[in-house]
Amino acid sequence: MFEYAHWDSARLDREIARLSELLEDLKTLQRDQAPSPAVLKKSPTLEGWKLSTRPVPCLAGVYLGHPTIPSGYIGVTSELIAIDVGRGFARTRSRFYALGQPAPKE
C-alpha cells in the first residue's frame, strides 16, 4: 500500500511495472492460453500448496454514492492501494474513493 509522504517515485515505477505484467498475463489467460513452457521453467515451484487467504489493507466505512452498493451501507472496500489523507482520496483495487470524515478514534 502507498501512503502519501511525497510519493516514492521509484517504488511507484516498480508497482506500475508489476501491474503491467499482471495485465499482460491476464490477457493471455483471457485468450484461453496457458503460460508457455519457458515461462513456467523460470517460475518458482510451489510444493505442498493449498488455497488460503490473507488479510490485506482496506478501508471500512459508510458508502455514499457507490455505483453498486446502496448509500448508507456499512462495509469494507477492496484492497487499499494508495491513500492521501491530506488531499482526501484513496485508491483501492477497484476504484478511487473521496474520503469524508474519519471514524472517531477508539
Protein backbone atom coordinates (compact mmCIF):
# COMPACT_ATOMS: atom_id res chain seq x y z
CA MET A 1 0.00 0.00 0.00
CA PHE A 2 1.19 3.52 -0.76
CA GLU A 3 0.57 6.19 1.85
CA TYR A 4 1.31 9.73 0.76
CA ALA A 5 4.50 11.15 2.13
CA HIS A 6 5.89 12.60 -1.08
CA TRP A 7 5.18 9.60 -3.32
CA ASP A 8 8.25 7.35 -3.72
CA SER A 9 8.62 7.54 -7.50
CA ALA A 10 10.94 4.53 -7.80
CA ARG A 11 8.58 2.36 -5.77
CA LEU A 12 5.62 3.53 -7.84
CA ASP A 13 7.55 2.70 -11.03
CA ARG A 14 8.17 -0.85 -9.76
CA GLU A 15 4.50 -1.28 -8.87
CA ILE A 16 3.39 0.02 -12.29
CA ALA A 17 5.74 -2.46 -13.99
CA ARG A 18 4.44 -5.31 -11.79
CA LEU A 19 0.82 -4.45 -12.53
CA SER A 20 1.52 -4.05 -16.27
CA GLU A 21 3.00 -7.55 -16.28
CA LEU A 22 -0.07 -8.86 -14.44
CA LEU A 23 -2.34 -7.21 -17.02
CA GLU A 24 -0.49 -8.90 -19.88
CA ASP A 25 -0.67 -12.27 -18.10
CA LEU A 26 -4.43 -11.84 -17.60
CA LYS A 27 -4.87 -11.02 -21.29
CA THR A 28 -3.03 -14.26 -22.12
CA LEU A 29 -5.37 -16.22 -19.85
CA GLN A 30 -8.38 -14.43 -21.36
CA ARG A 31 -7.35 -15.85 -24.74
CA ASP A 32 -7.53 -19.29 -23.05
CA GLN A 33 -3.76 -19.70 -23.32
CA ALA A 34 -1.61 -21.22 -20.61
CA PRO A 35 1.81 -19.75 -19.78
CA SER A 36 4.50 -21.00 -22.14
CA PRO A 37 6.85 -23.80 -21.03
CA ALA A 38 9.67 -21.19 -20.99
CA VAL A 39 7.71 -19.00 -18.56
CA LEU A 40 6.94 -21.93 -16.28
CA LYS A 41 10.57 -23.16 -16.42
CA LYS A 42 11.83 -19.87 -14.95
CA SER A 43 8.95 -19.64 -12.46
CA PRO A 44 9.38 -20.85 -8.87
CA THR A 45 7.67 -24.11 -7.95
CA LEU A 46 5.29 -24.29 -5.01
CA GLU A 47 5.14 -27.76 -3.41
CA GLY A 48 2.52 -28.86 -0.93
CA TRP A 49 0.32 -25.94 -1.93
CA LYS A 50 -3.26 -25.32 -0.91
CA LEU A 51 -5.72 -22.48 -1.27
CA SER A 52 -5.58 -19.98 1.55
CA THR A 53 -6.46 -16.37 2.37
CA ARG A 54 -4.60 -13.48 3.92
CA PRO A 55 -5.67 -10.11 5.20
CA VAL A 56 -4.91 -7.05 3.10
CA PRO A 57 -5.25 -3.36 3.97
CA CYS A 58 -8.68 -1.92 3.20
CA LEU A 59 -10.98 0.84 4.36
CA ALA A 60 -14.19 0.36 6.33
CA GLY A 61 -16.96 2.90 6.48
CA VAL A 62 -20.34 4.06 5.25
CA TYR A 63 -20.77 4.03 1.47
CA LEU A 64 -22.22 7.11 -0.23
CA GLY A 65 -22.72 7.33 -3.99
CA HIS A 66 -21.20 3.95 -4.87
CA PRO A 67 -22.30 2.66 -8.31
CA THR A 68 -23.45 -0.75 -7.00
CA ILE A 69 -23.64 -0.51 -3.19
CA PRO A 70 -26.60 1.36 -1.65
CA SER A 71 -25.82 4.62 0.15
CA GLY A 72 -25.77 4.12 3.90
CA TYR A 73 -24.41 0.57 3.64
CA ILE A 74 -21.58 -0.11 6.10
CA GLY A 75 -18.87 -2.27 4.61
CA VAL A 76 -15.24 -2.68 3.60
CA THR A 77 -13.52 -1.77 0.35
CA SER A 78 -11.38 -3.94 -1.85
CA GLU A 79 -7.62 -3.91 -1.17
CA LEU A 80 -6.27 -0.45 -0.40
CA ILE A 81 -3.55 0.50 -2.89
CA ALA A 82 -2.87 4.17 -2.05
CA ILE A 83 -4.16 6.81 0.33
CA ASP A 84 -3.57 10.54 0.69
CA VAL A 85 -5.49 11.74 3.73
CA GLY A 86 -4.28 15.32 3.26
CA ARG A 87 -5.78 15.55 -0.23
CA GLY A 88 -8.81 13.45 0.74
CA PHE A 89 -8.62 10.40 -1.50
CA ALA A 90 -7.86 6.70 -1.50
CA ARG A 91 -7.36 4.25 -4.37
CA THR A 92 -8.47 0.67 -3.86
CA ARG A 93 -8.02 -2.24 -6.22
CA SER A 94 -11.32 -1.30 -7.89
CA ARG A 95 -11.71 2.50 -7.76
CA PHE A 96 -10.94 5.89 -6.22
CA TYR A 97 -12.82 7.00 -3.10
CA ALA A 98 -13.23 10.53 -1.83
CA LEU A 99 -12.52 10.48 1.90
CA GLY A 100 -15.15 12.04 4.12
CA GLN A 101 -14.74 12.44 7.87
CA PRO A 102 -12.70 9.67 9.53
CA ALA A 103 -14.25 7.44 12.17
CA PRO A 104 -13.80 8.62 15.76
CA LYS A 105 -10.66 7.34 17.47
CA GLU A 106 -11.37 4.27 19.61
